[in-house]
């Protein structure tokens, strides 16, 4: 219980950017001398000093070996999640069985024996591959990731995208995710498509470039719209970042990652923008497609 309270205090301090006033580490000092001598740094209030102090504090009080500043927050996130799982055991996003966010039985139902390719004659998008149709456990998982904030689902679901990418023999120079408008991103706190693409990219060794596409105007939700209205809703909604408007996209094979494809209007609009910037191939890769 003491460790749990200590970790909760630690995470609270991180959220308030107040590492040095954290009284759970009263003896923490920075190693400054060449022989490892301890002293209070004259730069104790700089960001580097605060992170360094925090790093040594974690190593001393939690037993975490940290080699760079960026891993500090990854380690804290991991430890915090462990603590939360002890206090509030996770449930399967589909069947609600206690113990894990996605149980083995539900995971086994997510992917079919072969990928599901779609070619519907879109104006720009050359093709689409989906893990499965939008139903059952896959639908439950997508809903939990997108609307319930269960972002840990992005890793197993992203791994499924990677498996389909390899099984179907897809080829790409880069992955991009369908961007959210800045206001929608603020409301939700994260872009689920980015999380999926990031997990997928880590498994297939293809770079994720999330600074390529920009959602230049807000759009209404596509849910409930017919095919024509969906197309009109996203027409002209995307643009390519100024960093890629000259030669950055020229000759590139690109795969756009998203969670669900119903009519393909959003992916097609993204593809048209990428082709205008010089891409030679644009395909879609999604978790779920409509049952055609």
Protein backbone atom coordinates (compact mmCIF):
# COMPACT_ATOMS: atom_id res chain seq x y z
CA UNK A 1 0.00 0.00 0.00
CA UNK A 2 2.88 2.38 0.78
CA UNK A 3 4.37 1.77 -2.68
CA UNK A 4 0.98 2.47 -4.29
CA UNK A 5 0.57 5.73 -2.37
CA UNK A 6 4.13 6.74 -3.21
CA UNK A 7 3.54 6.11 -6.90
CA UNK A 8 0.27 8.04 -6.87
CA UNK A 9 2.01 10.99 -5.23
CA UNK A 10 4.75 10.77 -7.83
CA UNK A 11 2.34 10.79 -10.78
CA UNK A 12 0.47 13.72 -9.23
CA UNK A 13 3.70 15.70 -8.99
CA UNK A 14 4.55 14.92 -12.60
CA UNK A 15 1.17 16.18 -13.76
CA UNK A 16 1.83 19.43 -11.89
CA UNK A 17 5.47 19.68 -13.08
CA UNK A 18 6.64 19.99 -9.47
CA UNK A 19 9.34 17.37 -9.09
CA UNK A 20 11.58 19.18 -6.63
CA UNK A 21 8.85 19.91 -4.10
CA UNK A 22 7.91 16.24 -4.01
CA UNK A 23 8.38 15.35 -0.35
CA UNK A 24 8.55 11.63 -1.02
CA UNK A 25 12.14 12.15 -2.25
CA UNK A 26 13.57 14.47 0.46
CA UNK A 27 17.15 13.21 0.22
CA UNK A 28 17.43 13.31 -3.54
CA UNK A 29 20.52 15.08 -4.90
CA UNK A 30 22.25 15.32 -8.27
CA UNK A 31 25.56 13.57 -8.95
CA UNK A 32 27.72 16.43 -10.17
CA UNK A 33 31.38 15.62 -9.63
CA UNK A 34 33.59 13.41 -11.81
CA UNK A 35 33.85 10.95 -8.94
CA UNK A 36 30.12 10.83 -8.40
CA UNK A 37 30.06 13.21 -5.45
CA UNK A 38 26.67 14.47 -4.35
CA UNK A 39 25.80 18.14 -4.25
CA UNK A 40 22.86 20.44 -4.83
CA UNK A 41 23.22 21.66 -8.40
CA UNK A 42 23.23 25.44 -8.95
CA UNK A 43 20.88 24.72 -11.86
CA UNK A 44 18.40 22.87 -9.67
CA UNK A 45 15.40 24.58 -11.21
CA UNK A 46 16.27 23.88 -14.84
CA UNK A 47 14.36 21.20 -16.75
CA UNK A 48 17.48 19.03 -17.16
CA UNK A 49 18.27 19.19 -13.46
CA UNK A 50 14.68 18.37 -12.54
CA UNK A 51 14.66 15.35 -14.85
CA UNK A 52 18.06 14.20 -13.58
CA UNK A 53 16.91 14.45 -9.99
CA UNK A 54 13.73 12.62 -10.84
CA UNK A 55 15.71 9.87 -12.56
CA UNK A 56 17.87 9.20 -9.52
CA UNK A 57 14.79 9.33 -7.31
CA UNK A 58 13.08 6.64 -9.37
CA UNK A 59 16.17 4.42 -9.28
CA UNK A 60 16.43 4.79 -5.52
CA UNK A 61 12.81 4.46 -4.47
CA UNK A 62 11.20 2.28 -7.16
CA UNK A 63 14.14 0.27 -8.42
CA UNK A 64 13.92 1.41 -12.03
CA UNK A 65 17.12 1.75 -14.06
CA UNK A 66 16.73 4.74 -16.36
CA UNK A 67 19.34 5.69 -18.95
CA UNK A 68 17.78 8.72 -20.63
CA UNK A 69 15.32 11.45 -19.77
CA UNK A 70 12.69 10.32 -22.28
CA UNK A 71 12.43 6.93 -20.60
CA UNK A 72 11.52 8.54 -17.30
CA UNK A 73 7.93 9.12 -18.30
CA UNK A 74 7.63 5.75 -20.04
CA UNK A 75 8.74 4.03 -16.85
CA UNK A 76 6.38 6.08 -14.73
CA UNK A 77 3.50 5.35 -17.08
CA UNK A 78 4.28 1.64 -16.92
CA UNK A 79 4.53 1.62 -13.12
CA UNK A 80 1.41 3.75 -12.77
CA UNK A 81 -0.52 1.34 -14.99
CA UNK A 82 0.69 -1.58 -12.87
CA UNK A 83 -0.56 0.18 -9.76
CA UNK A 84 -3.91 0.95 -11.36
CA UNK A 85 -4.28 -2.65 -12.52
CA UNK A 86 -3.78 -3.80 -8.92
CA UNK A 87 -6.34 -1.35 -7.60
CA UNK A 88 -8.76 -1.73 -10.52
CA UNK A 89 -8.23 -5.05 -12.37
CA UNK A 90 -8.68 -4.61 -16.14
CA UNK A 91 -11.56 -6.17 -18.03
CA UNK A 92 -11.60 -7.54 -21.54
CA UNK A 93 -12.91 -4.83 -23.84
CA UNK A 94 -15.22 -7.33 -25.53
CA UNK A 95 -16.49 -9.96 -23.07
CA UNK A 96 -15.68 -8.04 -19.84
CA UNK A 97 -13.79 -10.98 -18.35
CA UNK A 98 -11.52 -9.73 -15.55
CA UNK A 99 -7.76 -10.05 -15.90
CA UNK A 100 -6.70 -8.43 -19.16
CA UNK A 101 -7.83 -5.71 -21.58
CA UNK A 102 -8.24 -8.30 -24.34
CA UNK A 103 -8.62 -11.95 -23.43
CA UNK A 104 -7.20 -14.75 -25.55
CA UNK A 105 -10.65 -16.03 -26.57
CA UNK A 106 -11.76 -12.65 -27.93
CA UNK A 107 -8.41 -11.94 -29.56
CA UNK A 108 -8.66 -15.23 -31.46
CA UNK A 109 -11.94 -14.02 -33.02
CA UNK A 110 -10.52 -10.74 -34.34
CA UNK A 111 -8.62 -11.85 -37.43
CA UNK A 112 -9.90 -14.16 -40.20
CA UNK A 113 -7.75 -16.77 -41.87
CA UNK A 114 -7.02 -14.36 -44.75
CA UNK A 115 -7.11 -10.54 -45.03
CA UNK A 116 -10.17 -8.87 -46.54
CA UNK A 117 -9.25 -6.81 -49.64
CA UNK A 118 -11.67 -4.22 -51.00
CA UNK A 119 -11.61 -2.45 -54.36
CA UNK A 120 -14.65 -0.25 -54.84
CA UNK A 121 -13.58 2.06 -57.63
CA UNK A 122 -12.67 5.04 -55.48
CA UNK A 123 -11.44 8.12 -57.28
CA UNK A 124 -7.98 8.08 -55.70
CA UNK A 125 -7.59 5.24 -53.20
CA UNK A 126 -6.17 2.24 -55.06
CA UNK A 127 -7.25 -0.44 -52.64
CA UNK A 128 -7.98 -1.32 -49.04
CA UNK A 129 -7.17 -4.24 -46.77
CA UNK A 130 -9.11 -4.84 -43.55
CA UNK A 131 -8.50 -7.23 -40.67
CA UNK A 132 -12.17 -8.21 -40.47
CA UNK A 133 -15.69 -6.88 -40.76
CA UNK A 134 -17.05 -4.40 -38.23
CA UNK A 135 -18.83 -6.76 -35.85
CA UNK A 136 -18.42 -8.83 -32.70
CA UNK A 137 -15.30 -8.52 -30.54
CA UNK A 138 -13.51 -6.34 -33.11
CA UNK A 139 -16.31 -3.77 -33.01
CA UNK A 140 -16.24 -3.80 -29.20
CA UNK A 141 -12.47 -3.25 -29.15
CA UNK A 142 -12.59 -0.39 -31.64
CA UNK A 143 -15.33 1.31 -29.64
CA UNK A 144 -13.34 0.94 -26.41
CA UNK A 145 -10.21 2.38 -28.01
CA UNK A 146 -11.96 5.23 -29.76
CA UNK A 147 -14.56 6.35 -27.25
CA UNK A 148 -13.76 4.80 -23.87
CA UNK A 149 -10.09 5.79 -23.67
CA UNK A 150 -8.73 2.22 -23.49
CA UNK A 151 -5.59 3.23 -25.38
CA UNK A 152 -3.68 0.10 -24.38
CA UNK A 153 -5.77 -1.73 -26.98
CA UNK A 154 -3.76 0.07 -29.66
CA UNK A 155 -0.85 -2.32 -29.21
CA UNK A 156 -2.63 -5.66 -29.85
CA UNK A 157 -4.84 -4.09 -32.52
CA UNK A 158 -1.84 -2.46 -34.18
CA UNK A 159 -0.10 -5.84 -34.14
CA UNK A 160 -3.08 -7.25 -36.05
CA UNK A 161 -2.67 -4.53 -38.68
CA UNK A 162 1.00 -5.47 -38.98
CA UNK A 163 0.10 -9.13 -39.41
CA UNK A 164 -2.35 -8.30 -42.20
CA UNK A 165 0.22 -6.00 -43.85
CA UNK A 166 2.70 -8.88 -43.99
CA UNK A 167 0.19 -11.60 -44.89
CA UNK A 168 -1.19 -9.61 -47.82
CA UNK A 169 2.31 -8.69 -49.03
CA UNK A 170 1.72 -4.95 -48.85
CA UNK A 171 4.62 -2.61 -49.65
CA UNK A 172 5.08 0.94 -48.41
CA UNK A 173 7.72 3.61 -47.95
CA UNK A 174 5.75 5.19 -45.12
CA UNK A 175 2.60 4.91 -43.06
CA UNK A 176 0.34 7.85 -42.33
CA UNK A 177 -2.70 7.91 -40.08
CA UNK A 178 -5.94 9.74 -40.76
CA UNK A 179 -5.55 12.99 -38.81
CA UNK A 180 -8.07 14.49 -36.41
CA UNK A 181 -8.92 18.15 -36.49
CA UNK A 182 -7.16 20.03 -33.69
CA UNK A 183 -10.42 20.71 -31.85
CA UNK A 184 -11.48 17.06 -31.99
CA UNK A 185 -8.00 16.05 -30.82
CA UNK A 186 -8.31 18.36 -27.81
CA UNK A 187 -11.69 16.89 -26.92
CA UNK A 188 -10.57 13.27 -27.15
CA UNK A 189 -7.00 13.77 -25.94
CA UNK A 190 -5.46 11.44 -28.52
CA UNK A 191 -5.77 10.26 -32.10
CA UNK A 192 -6.70 6.58 -32.09
CA UNK A 193 -5.59 6.16 -35.71
CA UNK A 194 -2.14 7.47 -34.79
CA UNK A 195 -1.89 4.99 -31.91
CA UNK A 196 -2.80 2.12 -34.24
CA UNK A 197 -0.37 3.25 -36.93
CA UNK A 198 2.43 3.68 -34.40
CA UNK A 199 1.97 0.16 -33.06
CA UNK A 200 1.77 -1.26 -36.59
CA UNK A 201 4.89 0.61 -37.74
CA UNK A 202 6.93 -0.75 -34.84
CA UNK A 203 6.20 -4.32 -35.98
CA UNK A 204 6.82 -3.96 -39.73
CA UNK A 205 9.79 -1.59 -39.73
CA UNK A 206 8.11 1.07 -41.89
CA UNK A 207 8.35 4.66 -40.73
CA UNK A 208 5.25 6.48 -39.51
CA UNK A 209 5.01 10.06 -40.77
CA UNK A 210 2.24 11.76 -38.87
CA UNK A 211 3.31 15.23 -39.94
CA UNK A 212 2.32 14.63 -43.58
CA UNK A 213 -1.47 14.96 -43.59
CA UNK A 214 -3.31 17.83 -41.94
CA UNK A 215 -7.04 18.05 -41.32
CA UNK A 216 -7.40 21.64 -42.44
CA UNK A 217 -11.06 22.03 -41.55
CA UNK A 218 -13.40 20.44 -39.03
CA UNK A 219 -15.97 17.98 -40.34
CA UNK A 220 -19.10 16.41 -38.95
CA UNK A 221 -18.97 12.82 -37.74
CA UNK A 222 -19.46 10.38 -40.60
CA UNK A 223 -21.70 8.09 -38.54
CA UNK A 224 -25.26 8.16 -39.83
CA UNK A 225 -24.44 9.80 -43.17
CA UNK A 226 -25.12 8.14 -46.51
CA UNK A 227 -22.38 7.58 -49.08
CA UNK A 228 -22.94 10.86 -50.92
CA UNK A 229 -23.03 12.94 -47.73
CA UNK A 230 -19.92 11.22 -46.41
CA UNK A 231 -18.05 12.18 -49.56
CA UNK A 232 -19.22 15.78 -49.40
CA UNK A 233 -18.45 15.99 -45.69
CA UNK A 234 -14.72 15.31 -46.17
CA UNK A 235 -14.26 17.00 -49.57
CA UNK A 236 -11.30 19.37 -49.29
CA UNK A 237 -10.85 18.60 -45.59
CA UNK A 238 -7.25 17.41 -45.90
CA UNK A 239 -4.02 19.02 -47.02
CA UNK A 240 -0.34 18.10 -47.06
CA UNK A 241 1.99 19.78 -44.61
CA UNK A 242 4.21 22.49 -46.07
CA UNK A 243 7.22 20.29 -45.25
CA UNK A 244 6.12 17.84 -47.95
CA UNK A 245 4.55 20.01 -50.63
CA UNK A 246 7.61 20.12 -52.90
CA UNK A 247 9.44 16.81 -53.32
CA UNK A 248 8.82 15.02 -50.01
CA UNK A 249 6.02 12.85 -51.40
CA UNK A 250 7.38 12.36 -54.90
CA UNK A 251 7.47 8.68 -55.89
CA UNK A 252 6.39 7.46 -52.45
CA UNK A 253 4.26 4.39 -51.76
CA UNK A 254 1.97 5.25 -48.89
CA UNK A 255 -0.43 3.32 -46.69
CA UNK A 256 -3.09 5.20 -44.74
CA UNK A 257 -4.08 3.66 -41.41
CA UNK A 258 -7.49 4.05 -39.78
CA UNK A 259 -9.83 2.07 -37.56
CA UNK A 260 -12.94 1.56 -39.72
CA UNK A 261 -13.82 1.96 -43.38
CA UNK A 262 -17.51 2.10 -44.29
CA UNK A 263 -17.67 3.74 -47.72
CA UNK A 264 -14.02 4.78 -47.94
CA UNK A 265 -14.83 8.48 -48.37
CA UNK A 266 -12.32 9.65 -45.74
CA UNK A 267 -9.51 7.44 -47.00
CA UNK A 268 -10.25 8.43 -50.58
CA UNK A 269 -10.06 12.12 -49.69
CA UNK A 270 -6.72 11.54 -47.96
CA UNK A 271 -5.42 9.57 -50.95
CA UNK A 272 -6.37 12.31 -53.40
CA UNK A 273 -4.38 14.82 -51.35
CA UNK A 274 -1.35 12.54 -51.23
CA UNK A 275 -1.44 11.90 -54.98
CA UNK A 276 -1.56 15.64 -55.62
CA UNK A 277 1.65 15.91 -53.57
CA UNK A 278 3.43 13.32 -55.75
CA UNK A 279 2.73 9.89 -54.25
CA UNK A 280 2.68 7.00 -56.74
CA UNK A 281 0.71 4.51 -54.68
CA UNK A 282 -1.82 4.94 -51.86
CA UNK A 283 -3.63 2.07 -50.13
CA UNK A 284 -5.70 1.87 -46.99
CA UNK A 285 -5.10 -0.45 -44.02
CA UNK A 286 -7.89 -0.65 -41.43
CA UNK A 287 -9.08 -2.85 -38.63
CA UNK A 288 -12.63 -3.22 -39.86
CA UNK A 289 -14.42 -2.84 -43.17
CA UNK A 290 -18.09 -2.88 -44.01
CA UNK A 291 -19.59 -6.28 -44.74
CA UNK A 292 -19.75 -6.26 -48.54
